[in-house]
């Protein structure tokens, strides 16, 4: 005897999953949530690593600039000291009209 009656297969599978396999569904949901969280954390870590690299470059550039400024400050301060000592000894700066340029010929 052939049965022409159709069973709602989709509904049977859904009822079976929700009634007797609640633990399996919970574990499946947790695995998917963990996978999504892992992907998101990996992405955030890569972004932060890239940002850290650019901040390290910027820090090095600022440190170099600071060292150059310290050297410039020292040079300017040292020149002021030399000029002050020269004035104490009675020396004066040379003006353009007082300069004499000597050219040595072979």
N, C-alpha and C. Protein backbone atom coordinates (compact mmCIF):
# COMPACT_ATOMS: atom_id res chain seq x y z
N UNK A 1 0.83 -1.16 0.00
CA UNK A 1 0.00 0.00 0.00
C UNK A 1 0.88 1.23 0.00
N UNK A 2 0.72 2.04 -0.99
CA UNK A 2 1.50 3.26 -1.12
C UNK A 2 0.76 4.40 -0.47
N UNK A 3 1.50 5.12 0.28
CA UNK A 3 0.89 6.24 0.99
C UNK A 3 1.18 7.52 0.23
N UNK A 4 0.12 8.27 -0.07
CA UNK A 4 0.30 9.53 -0.77
C UNK A 4 0.31 10.70 0.21
N UNK A 5 0.29 10.38 1.47
CA UNK A 5 0.30 11.42 2.50
C UNK A 5 1.72 11.98 2.64
N UNK A 6 1.81 13.30 2.66
CA UNK A 6 3.13 13.96 2.78
C UNK A 6 3.35 14.37 4.23
N UNK A 7 4.53 14.10 4.69
CA UNK A 7 4.88 14.51 6.04
C UNK A 7 5.61 15.85 5.99
N UNK A 8 5.33 16.71 6.94
CA UNK A 8 6.06 18.00 6.96
C UNK A 8 7.48 17.79 7.49
N UNK A 9 8.36 17.41 6.58
CA UNK A 9 9.72 17.03 6.95
C UNK A 9 10.47 18.18 7.63
N UNK A 10 10.30 19.36 7.10
CA UNK A 10 10.97 20.52 7.66
C UNK A 10 10.56 20.73 9.12
N UNK A 11 9.29 20.62 9.38
CA UNK A 11 8.77 20.81 10.73
C UNK A 11 9.24 19.70 11.67
N UNK A 12 9.32 18.49 11.16
CA UNK A 12 9.77 17.36 11.98
C UNK A 12 11.23 17.55 12.39
N UNK A 13 12.07 17.97 11.44
CA UNK A 13 13.48 18.19 11.75
C UNK A 13 13.64 19.32 12.76
N UNK A 14 12.90 20.40 12.57
CA UNK A 14 12.96 21.54 13.49
C UNK A 14 12.49 21.16 14.88
N UNK A 15 11.40 20.41 14.96
CA UNK A 15 10.91 19.96 16.27
C UNK A 15 11.92 19.03 16.95
N UNK A 16 12.54 18.16 16.16
CA UNK A 16 13.53 17.24 16.71
C UNK A 16 14.74 18.00 17.27
N UNK A 17 15.19 19.00 16.51
CA UNK A 17 16.34 19.80 16.96
C UNK A 17 16.03 20.58 18.23
N UNK A 18 14.86 21.17 18.29
CA UNK A 18 14.53 22.02 19.43
C UNK A 18 14.09 21.24 20.66
N UNK A 19 13.58 20.05 20.48
CA UNK A 19 13.08 19.32 21.65
C UNK A 19 14.14 18.46 22.32
N UNK A 20 14.91 17.73 21.55
CA UNK A 20 15.81 16.76 22.18
C UNK A 20 17.29 17.15 22.09
N UNK A 21 17.65 18.14 21.28
CA UNK A 21 19.06 18.48 21.09
C UNK A 21 19.35 19.93 21.52
N UNK A 22 18.80 20.33 22.64
CA UNK A 22 19.01 21.70 23.09
C UNK A 22 20.48 21.94 23.44
N UNK A 23 21.12 20.97 24.02
CA UNK A 23 22.54 21.12 24.37
C UNK A 23 23.39 21.24 23.11
N UNK A 24 23.09 20.46 22.09
CA UNK A 24 23.85 20.54 20.84
C UNK A 24 23.67 21.90 20.18
N UNK A 25 22.44 22.44 20.20
CA UNK A 25 22.20 23.76 19.63
C UNK A 25 22.93 24.85 20.41
N UNK A 26 22.92 24.73 21.73
CA UNK A 26 23.62 25.69 22.56
C UNK A 26 25.12 25.66 22.27
N UNK A 27 25.69 24.46 22.16
CA UNK A 27 27.11 24.33 21.84
C UNK A 27 27.43 24.87 20.45
N UNK A 28 26.56 24.63 19.49
CA UNK A 28 26.76 25.17 18.14
C UNK A 28 26.75 26.69 18.17
N UNK A 29 25.79 27.26 18.89
CA UNK A 29 25.72 28.71 19.01
C UNK A 29 26.98 29.26 19.67
N UNK A 30 27.46 28.60 20.72
CA UNK A 30 28.66 29.06 21.42
C UNK A 30 29.90 28.96 20.53
N UNK A 31 29.99 27.91 19.72
CA UNK A 31 31.12 27.77 18.80
C UNK A 31 31.11 28.90 17.77
N UNK A 32 29.94 29.20 17.22
CA UNK A 32 29.84 30.28 16.23
C UNK A 32 30.15 31.63 16.88
N UNK A 33 29.64 31.88 18.09
CA UNK A 33 29.92 33.14 18.79
C UNK A 33 31.41 33.27 19.09
N UNK A 34 32.05 32.19 19.49
CA UNK A 34 33.47 32.20 19.78
C UNK A 34 34.29 32.48 18.52
N UNK A 35 33.88 31.90 17.41
CA UNK A 35 34.58 32.13 16.14
C UNK A 35 34.47 33.59 15.72
N UNK A 36 33.28 34.17 15.85
CA UNK A 36 33.10 35.57 15.48
C UNK A 36 33.92 36.47 16.41
N UNK A 37 33.93 36.16 17.71
CA UNK A 37 34.71 36.96 18.66
C UNK A 37 36.21 36.86 18.35
N UNK A 38 36.67 35.68 17.97
CA UNK A 38 38.08 35.50 17.63
C UNK A 38 38.46 36.32 16.42
N UNK A 39 37.62 36.32 15.41
CA UNK A 39 37.88 37.11 14.20
C UNK A 39 37.91 38.60 14.54
N UNK A 40 36.98 39.07 15.35
CA UNK A 40 36.92 40.49 15.72
C UNK A 40 38.16 40.89 16.52
N UNK A 41 38.55 40.05 17.49
CA UNK A 41 39.72 40.37 18.32
C UNK A 41 40.99 40.38 17.48
N UNK A 42 41.11 39.45 16.55
CA UNK A 42 42.27 39.42 15.66
C UNK A 42 42.34 40.69 14.82
N UNK A 43 41.21 41.12 14.31
CA UNK A 43 41.16 42.35 13.52
C UNK A 43 41.57 43.55 14.36
N UNK A 44 41.04 43.65 15.57
CA UNK A 44 41.38 44.77 16.46
C UNK A 44 42.87 44.75 16.81
N UNK A 45 43.42 43.56 17.02
CA UNK A 45 44.85 43.44 17.34
C UNK A 45 45.70 43.92 16.18
N UNK A 46 45.32 43.57 14.97
CA UNK A 46 46.08 44.02 13.79
C UNK A 46 46.01 45.53 13.64
N UNK A 47 44.84 46.11 13.88
CA UNK A 47 44.72 47.57 13.81
C UNK A 47 45.61 48.24 14.85
N UNK A 48 45.60 47.73 16.06
CA UNK A 48 46.40 48.32 17.13
C UNK A 48 47.89 48.14 16.87
N UNK A 49 48.28 47.02 16.29
CA UNK A 49 49.69 46.79 15.96
C UNK A 49 50.15 47.78 14.89
N UNK A 50 49.32 48.02 13.89
CA UNK A 50 49.66 49.00 12.85
C UNK A 50 49.76 50.40 13.45
N UNK A 51 48.83 50.74 14.33
CA UNK A 51 48.86 52.05 14.98
C UNK A 51 50.11 52.19 15.85
N UNK A 52 50.48 51.13 16.54
CA UNK A 52 51.68 51.16 17.38
C UNK A 52 52.91 51.41 16.51
N UNK A 53 52.98 50.78 15.34
CA UNK A 53 54.12 50.99 14.44
C UNK A 53 54.24 52.43 14.01
N UNK A 54 53.12 53.05 13.66
CA UNK A 54 53.18 54.46 13.25
C UNK A 54 53.52 55.36 14.43
N UNK A 55 53.05 55.02 15.63
CA UNK A 55 53.39 55.83 16.80
C UNK A 55 54.87 55.69 17.15
N UNK A 56 55.45 54.51 16.96
CA UNK A 56 56.88 54.33 17.21
C UNK A 56 57.68 55.18 16.23
N UNK A 57 57.28 55.19 14.96
CA UNK A 57 57.96 56.03 13.96
C UNK A 57 57.86 57.50 14.34
N UNK A 58 56.67 57.93 14.74
CA UNK A 58 56.47 59.32 15.12
C UNK A 58 57.32 59.65 16.36
N UNK A 59 57.41 58.73 17.30
CA UNK A 59 58.22 58.96 18.50
C UNK A 59 59.69 59.10 18.14
N UNK A 60 60.19 58.25 17.25
CA UNK A 60 61.59 58.35 16.81
C UNK A 60 61.85 59.69 16.13
N UNK A 61 60.91 60.09 15.26
CA UNK A 61 61.07 61.37 14.56
C UNK A 61 61.11 62.53 15.56
N UNK A 62 60.23 62.49 16.56
CA UNK A 62 60.21 63.54 17.57
C UNK A 62 61.47 63.53 18.43
N UNK A 63 61.97 62.33 18.76
CA UNK A 63 63.22 62.25 19.52
C UNK A 63 64.38 62.83 18.73
N UNK A 64 64.45 62.53 17.43
CA UNK A 64 65.51 63.10 16.58
C UNK A 64 65.39 64.62 16.52
N UNK A 65 64.18 65.10 16.37
CA UNK A 65 63.96 66.54 16.32
C UNK A 65 64.37 67.18 17.65
N UNK A 66 64.07 66.53 18.75
CA UNK A 66 64.44 67.04 20.07
C UNK A 66 65.96 67.11 20.22
N UNK A 67 66.66 66.07 19.77
CA UNK A 67 68.12 66.05 19.84
C UNK A 67 68.70 67.18 19.01
N UNK A 68 68.17 67.39 17.81
CA UNK A 68 68.65 68.49 16.96
C UNK A 68 68.41 69.84 17.62
N UNK A 69 67.24 69.99 18.24
CA UNK A 69 66.95 71.25 18.93
C UNK A 69 67.88 71.46 20.12
N UNK A 70 68.21 70.38 20.83
CA UNK A 70 69.16 70.51 21.94
C UNK A 70 70.53 70.93 21.43
N UNK A 71 70.98 70.34 20.33
CA UNK A 71 72.27 70.72 19.74
C UNK A 71 72.26 72.17 19.30
N UNK A 72 71.17 72.58 18.67
CA UNK A 72 71.06 73.96 18.22
C UNK A 72 71.07 74.92 19.41
N UNK A 73 70.37 74.54 20.46
CA UNK A 73 70.34 75.38 21.67
C UNK A 73 71.74 75.47 22.28
N UNK A 74 72.44 74.36 22.34
CA UNK A 74 73.79 74.36 22.88
C UNK A 74 74.70 75.23 22.02
N UNK A 75 74.59 75.09 20.69
CA UNK A 75 75.42 75.87 19.78
C UNK A 75 75.16 77.36 19.95
N UNK A 76 73.90 77.72 19.99
CA UNK A 76 73.56 79.14 20.15
C UNK A 76 74.01 79.66 21.51
N UNK A 77 73.84 78.87 22.55
CA UNK A 77 74.27 79.27 23.88
C UNK A 77 75.78 79.40 23.95
N UNK A 78 76.49 78.48 23.30
CA UNK A 78 77.94 78.51 23.29
C UNK A 78 78.44 79.74 22.54
N UNK A 79 77.80 80.10 21.46
CA UNK A 79 78.20 81.29 20.70
C UNK A 79 78.01 82.55 21.53
N UNK A 80 76.89 82.60 22.28
CA UNK A 80 76.68 83.76 23.14
C UNK A 80 77.78 83.88 24.18
N UNK A 81 78.25 82.75 24.71
CA UNK A 81 79.34 82.77 25.69
C UNK A 81 80.63 83.28 25.04
N UNK A 82 80.89 82.82 23.82
CA UNK A 82 82.09 83.26 23.11
C UNK A 82 82.01 84.76 22.84
N UNK A 83 80.85 85.21 22.38
CA UNK A 83 80.69 86.65 22.12
C UNK A 83 80.86 87.47 23.40
N UNK A 84 80.35 86.96 24.50
CA UNK A 84 80.48 87.67 25.79
C UNK A 84 81.95 87.75 26.21
N UNK A 85 82.69 86.65 26.06
CA UNK A 85 84.12 86.66 26.40
C UNK A 85 84.87 87.63 25.48
N UNK A 86 84.53 87.65 24.20
CA UNK A 86 85.20 88.56 23.26
C UNK A 86 84.97 90.01 23.66
N UNK A 87 83.77 90.33 24.06
CA UNK A 87 83.47 91.71 24.50
C UNK A 87 84.26 92.02 25.76
N UNK A 88 84.38 91.05 26.67
CA UNK A 88 85.18 91.26 27.89
C UNK A 88 86.64 91.54 27.58
N UNK A 89 87.17 90.92 26.50
CA UNK A 89 88.55 91.15 26.09
C UNK A 89 88.70 92.40 25.23
N UNK A 90 87.60 93.06 24.92
CA UNK A 90 87.66 94.28 24.13
C UNK A 90 87.63 94.04 22.63
N UNK A 91 87.25 92.87 22.21
CA UNK A 91 87.18 92.57 20.77
C UNK A 91 85.82 93.00 20.22
N UNK A 92 85.82 93.35 18.92
CA UNK A 92 84.59 93.74 18.27
C UNK A 92 84.39 92.89 17.02
N UNK A 93 83.13 92.76 16.59
CA UNK A 93 82.91 92.03 15.34
C UNK A 93 83.46 92.81 14.15
N UNK A 94 83.85 92.06 13.12
CA UNK A 94 84.37 92.68 11.90
C UNK A 94 83.20 93.03 11.00
N UNK A 95 83.23 94.23 10.43
CA UNK A 95 82.20 94.67 9.48
C UNK A 95 82.64 94.30 8.07
N UNK A 96 81.71 94.27 7.15
CA UNK A 96 82.00 93.88 5.75
C UNK A 96 83.06 94.78 5.12
N UNK A 97 83.02 96.06 5.43
CA UNK A 97 83.98 96.98 4.81
C UNK A 97 85.40 96.81 5.38
N UNK A 98 85.53 96.08 6.49
CA UNK A 98 86.85 95.85 7.09
C UNK A 98 87.45 94.52 6.64
N UNK A 99 86.71 93.71 5.94
CA UNK A 99 87.21 92.40 5.52
C UNK A 99 88.19 92.53 4.37
N UNK A 100 89.25 91.74 4.43
CA UNK A 100 90.21 91.69 3.34
C UNK A 100 90.33 90.23 2.93
N UNK A 101 90.14 89.96 1.65
CA UNK A 101 90.21 88.61 1.14
C UNK A 101 91.53 88.44 0.40
N UNK A 102 92.34 87.47 0.80
CA UNK A 102 93.60 87.18 0.16
C UNK A 102 93.45 85.99 -0.77
N UNK A 103 93.97 86.12 -1.97
CA UNK A 103 93.90 85.04 -2.94
C UNK A 103 95.34 84.61 -3.22
N UNK A 104 95.61 83.34 -3.04
CA UNK A 104 96.96 82.82 -3.24
C UNK A 104 97.05 82.27 -4.66
N UNK A 105 98.04 82.73 -5.41
CA UNK A 105 98.22 82.21 -6.77
C UNK A 105 99.35 81.20 -6.78
N UNK A 106 99.31 80.30 -7.72
CA UNK A 106 100.32 79.24 -7.80
C UNK A 106 101.52 79.68 -8.54
